[in-house]
């Protein structure tokens, strides 16, 4: 009888969503103020001090750094953000990505830096769906 009562109590509590689900944060968490301080012409070292190590730094693409972040609130749908920095001659040349979609001071500043011909890099899943 106790086993049945225990199973019933467990199912009742889990069905009412009383079981705690934790927020999940993965990747680089970039501060808006730090991102807003990015300027074209900065050295790689200056960017490294400002933002920290990139999530992806490929040896095949030494002039491209990707900062990626995924956040899911209590088991909800994850929100993915990417910030891609491109360097020319060891200096920051362009900034692109979905971090620019935020309507913050940092996002507005970065949009001003973005060249009109730059196409923001999306997360890998959307690229695969497009076939490019």
Protein backbone atom coordinates (compact mmCIF):
# COMPACT_ATOMS: atom_id res chain seq x y z
CA UNK A 1 0.00 0.00 0.00
CA UNK A 2 2.88 2.39 0.83
CA UNK A 3 4.52 1.69 -2.53
CA UNK A 4 1.32 2.53 -4.40
CA UNK A 5 0.86 5.68 -2.30
CA UNK A 6 4.50 6.68 -2.98
CA UNK A 7 4.14 6.18 -6.73
CA UNK A 8 0.87 8.14 -6.74
CA UNK A 9 2.48 10.99 -4.78
CA UNK A 10 5.50 11.09 -7.12
CA UNK A 11 3.33 11.16 -10.23
CA UNK A 12 1.11 13.85 -8.72
CA UNK A 13 4.06 16.09 -7.92
CA UNK A 14 5.79 15.61 -11.26
CA UNK A 15 2.52 16.17 -13.12
CA UNK A 16 2.03 19.50 -11.34
CA UNK A 17 5.45 20.67 -12.45
CA UNK A 18 6.62 21.01 -8.87
CA UNK A 19 9.88 19.30 -9.71
CA UNK A 20 12.51 22.01 -10.10
CA UNK A 21 13.97 22.45 -13.57
CA UNK A 22 17.11 24.48 -13.72
CA UNK A 23 18.04 27.11 -16.31
CA UNK A 24 20.75 25.85 -18.66
CA UNK A 25 23.47 28.27 -19.80
CA UNK A 26 26.21 27.04 -22.15
CA UNK A 27 29.01 28.73 -24.02
CA UNK A 28 30.36 32.25 -23.78
CA UNK A 29 28.25 34.75 -21.87
CA UNK A 30 29.21 38.10 -23.32
CA UNK A 31 28.53 41.27 -21.39
CA UNK A 32 26.74 43.91 -23.49
CA UNK A 33 29.12 46.62 -22.27
CA UNK A 34 32.16 44.58 -23.28
CA UNK A 35 30.71 43.79 -26.70
CA UNK A 36 29.90 47.48 -27.19
CA UNK A 37 33.58 48.32 -26.64
CA UNK A 38 34.64 46.32 -29.71
CA UNK A 39 36.17 48.52 -32.40
CA UNK A 40 37.53 47.69 -35.80
CA UNK A 41 41.31 47.79 -35.74
CA UNK A 42 41.65 46.20 -32.29
CA UNK A 43 44.35 43.54 -32.00
CA UNK A 44 43.52 39.92 -31.24
CA UNK A 45 45.06 40.38 -27.80
CA UNK A 46 42.80 43.36 -27.03
CA UNK A 47 39.73 41.38 -28.08
CA UNK A 48 40.88 38.41 -26.01
CA UNK A 49 41.24 40.61 -22.92
CA UNK A 50 37.85 42.22 -23.54
CA UNK A 51 35.72 39.14 -24.37
CA UNK A 52 37.78 36.17 -23.24
CA UNK A 53 38.59 33.07 -25.24
CA UNK A 54 36.30 32.27 -28.16
CA UNK A 55 34.14 29.14 -28.14
CA UNK A 56 35.48 28.10 -31.53
CA UNK A 57 38.93 28.97 -32.83
CA UNK A 58 39.75 26.75 -35.77
CA UNK A 59 43.37 26.21 -36.81
CA UNK A 60 42.11 26.23 -40.41
CA UNK A 61 40.48 29.65 -40.01
CA UNK A 62 42.92 31.56 -37.80
CA UNK A 63 41.34 34.88 -38.77
CA UNK A 64 37.86 33.92 -37.51
CA UNK A 65 36.72 33.66 -33.89
CA UNK A 66 33.23 32.48 -32.91
CA UNK A 67 31.63 33.19 -29.55
CA UNK A 68 28.55 30.98 -29.05
CA UNK A 69 25.94 30.98 -26.33
CA UNK A 70 22.86 28.85 -25.68
CA UNK A 71 20.33 29.56 -22.96
CA UNK A 72 17.22 27.52 -22.08
CA UNK A 73 14.94 28.74 -19.33
CA UNK A 74 13.68 25.85 -17.16
CA UNK A 75 13.54 23.22 -19.84
CA UNK A 76 12.16 25.58 -22.49
CA UNK A 77 13.33 26.07 -26.04
CA UNK A 78 17.00 27.06 -26.17
CA UNK A 79 17.92 30.48 -27.53
CA UNK A 80 21.17 30.43 -29.51
CA UNK A 81 23.38 33.44 -30.13
CA UNK A 82 26.58 33.67 -32.14
CA UNK A 83 29.14 36.45 -32.43
CA UNK A 84 31.66 36.01 -35.25
CA UNK A 85 34.77 38.17 -35.38
CA UNK A 86 36.94 38.31 -38.48
CA UNK A 87 40.50 39.58 -38.44
CA UNK A 88 42.76 40.89 -41.19
CA UNK A 89 46.48 41.36 -40.49
CA UNK A 90 45.89 40.46 -36.81
CA UNK A 91 43.36 43.33 -36.43
CA UNK A 92 39.57 43.17 -36.03
CA UNK A 93 38.00 43.76 -39.45
CA UNK A 94 34.32 42.83 -39.02
CA UNK A 95 31.74 41.69 -36.50
CA UNK A 96 28.64 39.67 -37.37
CA UNK A 97 26.16 37.24 -35.86
CA UNK A 98 22.91 36.89 -33.98
CA UNK A 99 24.26 38.78 -30.94
CA UNK A 100 23.55 41.82 -33.12
CA UNK A 101 19.82 41.10 -33.10
CA UNK A 102 19.44 42.26 -29.52
CA UNK A 103 18.08 45.77 -29.21
CA UNK A 104 20.73 47.01 -26.81
CA UNK A 105 23.42 49.64 -26.92
CA UNK A 106 25.94 46.93 -27.81
CA UNK A 107 23.77 45.64 -30.65
CA UNK A 108 23.31 49.10 -32.14
CA UNK A 109 27.05 49.81 -31.95
CA UNK A 110 27.92 46.50 -33.58
CA UNK A 111 25.37 47.01 -36.36
CA UNK A 112 27.09 50.29 -37.17
CA UNK A 113 30.42 48.45 -37.44
CA UNK A 114 29.01 45.75 -39.70
CA UNK A 115 29.78 46.26 -43.37
CA UNK A 116 26.67 46.41 -45.62
CA UNK A 117 27.90 43.38 -47.59
CA UNK A 118 28.40 41.22 -44.48
CA UNK A 119 25.88 38.43 -44.04
CA UNK A 120 25.43 37.40 -40.39
CA UNK A 121 26.52 33.85 -39.59
CA UNK A 122 23.65 31.79 -38.24
CA UNK A 123 23.88 28.74 -36.03
CA UNK A 124 24.90 25.49 -37.68
CA UNK A 125 21.39 24.02 -37.66
CA UNK A 126 19.92 26.78 -39.83
CA UNK A 127 22.84 26.50 -42.25
CA UNK A 128 22.22 22.76 -42.64
CA UNK A 129 18.51 23.33 -43.31
CA UNK A 130 19.33 25.80 -46.09
CA UNK A 131 21.82 23.39 -47.57
CA UNK A 132 24.66 25.94 -47.59
